[in-house]
């Protein structure tokens, strides 16, 4: 009974319409971390992140031999499997939160910085060679993938909560979403330019 009440309380804040304040969502996530990050662990994003991030360290360690490659890949796969799912669970929870500027700061600056730093520490402990090259590439991938996850989740894709769709449906939607994601900055600039021109007339 108490668990069911907690579940409803959590969803009432995270999924309410209109969009809730970001601080309220974050507070709810911190009050119910098991529900938010363990039950809500986003396995879809974890799989995609694994596909994107493991090759980074495979490529950057190739010159050090197959033993180094295998170790770096295993370390990155292990870290990404857990961290990316938790990261995406947070993204899913705050995808509609307001103000969007604060959400953007969290998802595109703060959390990528934390994830890359933790990733670097794990590889440092594992003595991954050519670590700097891997970390530099990881920064780019982390920011871009975080932005894409946010973009996709706001459009109902890559969700694992109550609004989740079959993973096959998500995968089939990805090509179109990728094109829209790439085009979005240019579309926004075009709209801004049209509004500016209209204001001058």
C-alpha atoms as a PDB file:
ATOM      1  CA  UNK A   1       0.000   0.000   0.000  1.00  0.00           C
ATOM      2  CA  UNK A   2       2.716   2.500   0.985  1.00  0.00           C
ATOM      3  CA  UNK A   3       4.772   1.547  -2.060  1.00  0.00           C
ATOM      4  CA  UNK A   4       1.749   2.118  -4.322  1.00  0.00           C
ATOM      5  CA  UNK A   5       1.154   5.530  -2.737  1.00  0.00           C
ATOM      6  CA  UNK A   6       4.807   6.444  -3.264  1.00  0.00           C
ATOM      7  CA  UNK A   7       4.543   5.361  -6.901  1.00  0.00           C
ATOM      8  CA  UNK A   8       1.463   7.551  -7.463  1.00  0.00           C
ATOM      9  CA  UNK A   9       3.048  10.466  -5.616  1.00  0.00           C
ATOM     10  CA  UNK A  10       6.183  10.218  -7.704  1.00  0.00           C
ATOM     11  CA  UNK A  11       4.261  10.136 -10.996  1.00  0.00           C
ATOM     12  CA  UNK A  12       1.992  12.973  -9.879  1.00  0.00           C
ATOM     13  CA  UNK A  13       5.001  15.282  -9.695  1.00  0.00           C
ATOM     14  CA  UNK A  14       7.152  13.977 -12.556  1.00  0.00           C
ATOM     15  CA  UNK A  15       4.362  13.509 -15.115  1.00  0.00           C
ATOM     16  CA  UNK A  16       1.971  16.300 -14.170  1.00  0.00           C
ATOM     17  CA  UNK A  17       0.666  18.698 -16.800  1.00  0.00           C
ATOM     18  CA  UNK A  18       1.469  21.576 -17.085  1.00  0.00           C
ATOM     19  CA  UNK A  19       5.165  20.923 -16.675  1.00  0.00           C
ATOM     20  CA  UNK A  20       6.369  21.142 -13.066  1.00  0.00           C
ATOM     21  CA  UNK A  21       9.228  23.314 -11.811  1.00  0.00           C
ATOM     22  CA  UNK A  22      12.556  21.554 -12.265  1.00  0.00           C
ATOM     23  CA  UNK A  23      13.440  21.935  -8.579  1.00  0.00           C
ATOM     24  CA  UNK A  24      10.262  20.076  -7.630  1.00  0.00           C
ATOM     25  CA  UNK A  25      11.075  17.184  -9.953  1.00  0.00           C
ATOM     26  CA  UNK A  26      14.677  16.980  -8.711  1.00  0.00           C
ATOM     27  CA  UNK A  27      13.489  17.008  -5.085  1.00  0.00           C
ATOM     28  CA  UNK A  28      11.093  14.176  -5.844  1.00  0.00           C
ATOM     29  CA  UNK A  29      13.863  12.190  -7.537  1.00  0.00           C
ATOM     30  CA  UNK A  30      16.122  12.609  -4.516  1.00  0.00           C
ATOM     31  CA  UNK A  31      13.330  11.643  -2.116  1.00  0.00           C
ATOM     32  CA  UNK A  32      12.664   8.422  -4.037  1.00  0.00           C
ATOM     33  CA  UNK A  33      16.029   7.391  -5.535  1.00  0.00           C
ATOM     34  CA  UNK A  34      15.168   3.680  -5.786  1.00  0.00           C
ATOM     35  CA  UNK A  35      11.976   4.389  -7.713  1.00  0.00           C
ATOM     36  CA  UNK A  36      13.675   7.068  -9.821  1.00  0.00           C
ATOM     37  CA  UNK A  37      16.999   5.488 -10.712  1.00  0.00           C
ATOM     38  CA  UNK A  38      16.717   1.734 -10.093  1.00  0.00           C
ATOM     39  CA  UNK A  39      13.158   0.964 -11.162  1.00  0.00           C
ATOM     40  CA  UNK A  40      13.385   3.821 -13.657  1.00  0.00           C
ATOM     41  CA  UNK A  41      16.814   2.797 -14.986  1.00  0.00           C
ATOM     42  CA  UNK A  42      16.622   3.520 -18.716  1.00  0.00           C
ATOM     43  CA  UNK A  43      17.912   0.361 -20.379  1.00  0.00           C
ATOM     44  CA  UNK A  44      17.145   1.690 -23.865  1.00  0.00           C
ATOM     45  CA  UNK A  45      19.466   4.665 -23.500  1.00  0.00           C
ATOM     46  CA  UNK A  46      22.035   2.433 -21.781  1.00  0.00           C
ATOM     47  CA  UNK A  47      22.160   0.140 -24.825  1.00  0.00           C
ATOM     48  CA  UNK A  48      22.538   3.019 -27.255  1.00  0.00           C
ATOM     49  CA  UNK A  49      25.155   4.688 -25.069  1.00  0.00           C
ATOM     50  CA  UNK A  50      27.072   1.420 -24.865  1.00  0.00           C
ATOM     51  CA  UNK A  51      27.103   1.254 -28.670  1.00  0.00           C
ATOM     52  CA  UNK A  52      28.339   4.850 -28.933  1.00  0.00           C
ATOM     53  CA  UNK A  53      30.872   5.015 -26.102  1.00  0.00           C
ATOM     54  CA  UNK A  54      32.663   1.666 -26.082  1.00  0.00           C
ATOM     55  CA  UNK A  55      34.143   2.180 -29.598  1.00  0.00           C
ATOM     56  CA  UNK A  56      35.739   5.434 -28.379  1.00  0.00           C
ATOM     57  CA  UNK A  57      38.083   3.586 -26.039  1.00  0.00           C
ATOM     58  CA  UNK A  58      38.537   0.707 -28.462  1.00  0.00           C
ATOM     59  CA  UNK A  59      39.844   3.138 -31.077  1.00  0.00           C
ATOM     60  CA  UNK A  60      42.003   5.218 -28.717  1.00  0.00           C
ATOM     61  CA  UNK A  61      43.725   2.123 -27.246  1.00  0.00           C
ATOM     62  CA  UNK A  62      44.334   0.204 -30.489  1.00  0.00           C
ATOM     63  CA  UNK A  63      48.025   1.116 -30.583  1.00  0.00           C
ATOM     64  CA  UNK A  64      48.548  -0.439 -27.158  1.00  0.00           C
ATOM     65  CA  UNK A  65      47.543  -3.965 -28.194  1.00  0.00           C
ATOM     66  CA  UNK A  66      44.484  -6.169 -27.930  1.00  0.00           C
ATOM     67  CA  UNK A  67      44.823  -6.725 -24.209  1.00  0.00           C
ATOM     68  CA  UNK A  68      44.528  -2.970 -23.588  1.00  0.00           C
ATOM     69  CA  UNK A  69      41.651  -2.739 -26.066  1.00  0.00           C
ATOM     70  CA  UNK A  70      39.724  -5.554 -24.379  1.00  0.00           C
ATOM     71  CA  UNK A  71      40.260  -4.094 -20.902  1.00  0.00           C
ATOM     72  CA  UNK A  72      39.257  -0.575 -21.957  1.00  0.00           C
ATOM     73  CA  UNK A  73      36.138  -1.900 -23.698  1.00  0.00           C
ATOM     74  CA  UNK A  74      35.161  -3.967 -20.647  1.00  0.00           C
ATOM     75  CA  UNK A  75      35.673  -1.026 -18.285  1.00  0.00           C
ATOM     76  CA  UNK A  76      33.677   1.347 -20.480  1.00  0.00           C
ATOM     77  CA  UNK A  77      30.864  -1.168 -21.037  1.00  0.00           C
ATOM     78  CA  UNK A  78      30.586  -1.788 -17.295  1.00  0.00           C
ATOM     79  CA  UNK A  79      30.548   1.902 -16.415  1.00  0.00           C
ATOM     80  CA  UNK A  80      28.215   2.937 -19.225  1.00  0.00           C
ATOM     81  CA  UNK A  81      25.694   0.182 -18.547  1.00  0.00           C
ATOM     82  CA  UNK A  82      24.959   1.614 -15.117  1.00  0.00           C
ATOM     83  CA  UNK A  83      25.702   5.311 -15.448  1.00  0.00           C
ATOM     84  CA  UNK A  84      23.994   5.957 -18.780  1.00  0.00           C
ATOM     85  CA  UNK A  85      20.786   4.281 -17.598  1.00  0.00           C
ATOM     86  CA  UNK A  86      20.685   6.429 -14.468  1.00  0.00           C
ATOM     87  CA  UNK A  87      21.535   9.569 -16.443  1.00  0.00           C
ATOM     88  CA  UNK A  88      18.732   8.836 -18.924  1.00  0.00           C
ATOM     89  CA  UNK A  89      16.301   8.136 -16.076  1.00  0.00           C
ATOM     90  CA  UNK A  90      16.995  11.659 -14.821  1.00  0.00           C
ATOM     91  CA  UNK A  91      16.564  13.041 -18.350  1.00  0.00           C
ATOM     92  CA  UNK A  92      13.236  11.249 -18.738  1.00  0.00           C
ATOM     93  CA  UNK A  93      11.986  12.674 -15.437  1.00  0.00           C
ATOM     94  CA  UNK A  94      12.904  16.302 -16.190  1.00  0.00           C
ATOM     95  CA  UNK A  95      12.152  16.322 -19.919  1.00  0.00           C
ATOM     96  CA  UNK A  96       9.118  18.633 -19.544  1.00  0.00           C
ATOM     97  CA  UNK A  97      10.260  20.518 -16.433  1.00  0.00           C
ATOM     98  CA  UNK A  98      10.501  24.294 -16.384  1.00  0.00           C
ATOM     99  CA  UNK A  99      12.394  26.506 -16.871  1.00  0.00           C
ATOM    100  CA  UNK A 100      13.923  24.756 -19.872  1.00  0.00           C
ATOM    101  CA  UNK A 101      17.067  26.880 -19.549  1.00  0.00           C
ATOM    102  CA  UNK A 102      17.859  25.256 -16.198  1.00  0.00           C
ATOM    103  CA  UNK A 103      17.071  21.796 -17.584  1.00  0.00           C
ATOM    104  CA  UNK A 104      19.434  22.508 -20.494  1.00  0.00           C
ATOM    105  CA  UNK A 105      22.158  23.594 -18.081  1.00  0.00           C
ATOM    106  CA  UNK A 106      21.738  20.360 -16.108  1.00  0.00           C
ATOM    107  CA  UNK A 107      21.556  18.021 -19.098  1.00  0.00           C
ATOM    108  CA  UNK A 108      24.085  19.664 -21.412  1.00  0.00           C
ATOM    109  CA  UNK A 109      26.683  20.975 -18.951  1.00  0.00           C
ATOM    110  CA  UNK A 110      26.479  19.744 -15.372  1.00  0.00           C
ATOM    111  CA  UNK A 111      25.616  16.073 -15.829  1.00  0.00           C
ATOM    112  CA  UNK A 112      27.915  15.462 -18.832  1.00  0.00           C
ATOM    113  CA  UNK A 113      30.768  16.973 -16.800  1.00  0.00           C
ATOM    114  CA  UNK A 114      30.029  14.666 -13.867  1.00  0.00           C
ATOM    115  CA  UNK A 115      29.677  11.599 -16.070  1.00  0.00           C
ATOM    116  CA  UNK A 116      32.884  12.260 -18.010  1.00  0.00           C
ATOM    117  CA  UNK A 117      34.789  12.932 -14.771  1.00  0.00           C
ATOM    118  CA  UNK A 118      33.586   9.676 -13.198  1.00  0.00           C
ATOM    119  CA  UNK A 119      34.313   7.799 -16.416  1.00  0.00           C
ATOM    120  CA  UNK A 120      37.835   9.229 -16.495  1.00  0.00           C
ATOM    121  CA  UNK A 121      38.460   8.207 -12.873  1.00  0.00           C
ATOM    122  CA  UNK A 122      37.323   4.639 -13.590  1.00  0.00           C
ATOM    123  CA  UNK A 123      39.642   4.403 -16.596  1.00  0.00           C
ATOM    124  CA  UNK A 124      42.463   6.015 -14.646  1.00  0.00           C
ATOM    125  CA  UNK A 125      42.154   3.335 -11.972  1.00  0.00           C
ATOM    126  CA  UNK A 126      42.065   0.680 -14.704  1.00  0.00           C
ATOM    127  CA  UNK A 127      45.217   2.233 -16.259  1.00  0.00           C
ATOM    128  CA  UNK A 128      43.617   2.714 -19.666  1.00  0.00           C
ATOM    129  CA  UNK A 129      46.295   3.974 -22.092  1.00  0.00           C
ATOM    130  CA  UNK A 130      45.873   7.177 -24.130  1.00  0.00           C
ATOM    131  CA  UNK A 131      43.210   8.264 -21.663  1.00  0.00           C
ATOM    132  CA  UNK A 132      43.201  11.940 -22.655  1.00  0.00           C
ATOM    133  CA  UNK A 133      42.144  11.160 -26.233  1.00  0.00           C
ATOM    134  CA  UNK A 134      39.338   8.964 -24.952  1.00  0.00           C
ATOM    135  CA  UNK A 135      38.134  11.588 -22.498  1.00  0.00           C
ATOM    136  CA  UNK A 136      38.140  14.335 -25.141  1.00  0.00           C
ATOM    137  CA  UNK A 137      35.998  12.226 -27.479  1.00  0.00           C
ATOM    138  CA  UNK A 138      33.802  11.210 -24.555  1.00  0.00           C
ATOM    139  CA  UNK A 139      32.999  14.862 -23.783  1.00  0.00           C
ATOM    140  CA  UNK A 140      31.630  15.420 -27.276  1.00  0.00           C
ATOM    141  CA  UNK A 141      29.644  12.177 -27.310  1.00  0.00           C
ATOM    142  CA  UNK A 142      28.237  12.847 -23.827  1.00  0.00           C
ATOM    143  CA  UNK A 143      26.933  16.323 -24.666  1.00  0.00           C
ATOM    144  CA  UNK A 144      25.500  15.359 -28.055  1.00  0.00           C
ATOM    145  CA  UNK A 145      23.897  12.124 -26.822  1.00  0.00           C
ATOM    146  CA  UNK A 146      22.426  13.915 -23.803  1.00  0.00           C
ATOM    147  CA  UNK A 147      20.902  16.545 -26.040  1.00  0.00           C
ATOM    148  CA  UNK A 148      19.524  13.899 -28.377  1.00  0.00           C
ATOM    149  CA  UNK A 149      18.039  11.861 -25.529  1.00  0.00           C
ATOM    150  CA  UNK A 150      16.289  14.970 -24.205  1.00  0.00           C
ATOM    151  CA  UNK A 151      15.055  15.852 -27.695  1.00  0.00           C
ATOM    152  CA  UNK A 152      13.812  12.303 -28.302  1.00  0.00           C
ATOM    153  CA  UNK A 153      12.167  11.835 -24.913  1.00  0.00           C
ATOM    154  CA  UNK A 154      10.173  15.039 -25.325  1.00  0.00           C
ATOM    155  CA  UNK A 155       8.770  13.368 -28.453  1.00  0.00           C
ATOM    156  CA  UNK A 156       7.861  10.109 -26.723  1.00  0.00           C
ATOM    157  CA  UNK A 157      10.886   8.042 -27.755  1.00  0.00           C
ATOM    158  CA  UNK A 158      13.429   6.110 -25.626  1.00  0.00           C
ATOM    159  CA  UNK A 159      11.127   6.151 -22.593  1.00  0.00           C
ATOM    160  CA  UNK A 160      10.871   3.291 -20.091  1.00  0.00           C
ATOM    161  CA  UNK A 161       8.212   4.710 -17.765  1.00  0.00           C
ATOM    162  CA  UNK A 162       4.446   4.618 -18.099  1.00  0.00           C
ATOM    163  CA  UNK A 163       4.625   6.295 -21.525  1.00  0.00           C
ATOM    164  CA  UNK A 164       7.122   3.767 -22.936  1.00  0.00           C
ATOM    165  CA  UNK A 165       6.732   2.275 -26.389  1.00  0.00           C
ATOM    166  CA  UNK A 166       8.256  -0.993 -27.679  1.00  0.00           C
ATOM    167  CA  UNK A 167      11.989  -0.631 -28.295  1.00  0.00           C
ATOM    168  CA  UNK A 168      11.455  -1.682 -31.922  1.00  0.00           C
ATOM    169  CA  UNK A 169       9.158   1.337 -32.388  1.00  0.00           C
ATOM    170  CA  UNK A 170      11.794   3.601 -30.835  1.00  0.00           C
ATOM    171  CA  UNK A 171      14.481   2.245 -33.158  1.00  0.00           C
ATOM    172  CA  UNK A 172      12.316   2.743 -36.232  1.00  0.00           C
ATOM    173  CA  UNK A 173      11.718   6.369 -35.188  1.00  0.00           C
ATOM    174  CA  UNK A 174      15.409   7.156 -34.652  1.00  0.00           C
ATOM    175  CA  UNK A 175      16.431   8.004 -38.259  1.00  0.00           C
ATOM    176  CA  UNK A 176      13.744  10.687 -38.562  1.00  0.00           C
ATOM    177  CA  UNK A 177      14.506  11.988 -35.068  1.00  0.00           C
ATOM    178  CA  UNK A 178      18.213  12.238 -35.863  1.00  0.00           C
ATOM    179  CA  UNK A 179      17.453  14.312 -38.966  1.00  0.00           C
ATOM    180  CA  UNK A 180      15.135  16.588 -36.971  1.00  0.00           C
ATOM    181  CA  UNK A 181      17.707  16.906 -34.180  1.00  0.00           C
ATOM    182  CA  UNK A 182      20.432  17.940 -36.627  1.00  0.00           C
ATOM    183  CA  UNK A 183      18.092  20.368 -38.406  1.00  0.00           C
ATOM    184  CA  UNK A 184      16.645  21.910 -35.226  1.00  0.00           C
ATOM    185  CA  UNK A 185      19.350  24.620 -34.727  1.00  0.00           C
ATOM    186  CA  UNK A 186      18.990  25.754 -38.342  1.00  0.00           C
ATOM    187  CA  UNK A 187      15.186  25.758 -38.141  1.00  0.00           C
ATOM    188  CA  UNK A 188      15.355  27.828 -34.945  1.00  0.00           C
ATOM    189  CA  UNK A 189      17.727  30.323 -36.581  1.00  0.00           C
ATOM    190  CA  UNK A 190      15.440  30.578 -39.602  1.00  0.00           C
ATOM    191  CA  UNK A 191      12.396  31.264 -37.421  1.00  0.00           C
ATOM    192  CA  UNK A 192      14.323  33.864 -35.417  1.00  0.00           C
ATOM    193  CA  UNK A 193      15.482  35.555 -38.621  1.00  0.00           C
ATOM    194  CA  UNK A 194      11.922  35.663 -39.982  1.00  0.00           C
ATOM    195  CA  UNK A 195      10.622  37.179 -36.761  1.00  0.00           C
ATOM    196  CA  UNK A 196      13.429  39.757 -36.796  1.00  0.00           C
ATOM    197  CA  UNK A 197      12.673  40.686 -40.401  1.00  0.00           C
ATOM    198  CA  UNK A 198       8.958  40.890 -39.676  1.00  0.00           C
ATOM    199  CA  UNK A 199       9.643  43.230 -36.756  1.00  0.00           C
ATOM    200  CA  UNK A 200      11.620  45.574 -39.046  1.00  0.00           C
ATOM    201  CA  UNK A 201       8.844  45.860 -41.613  1.00  0.00           C
END
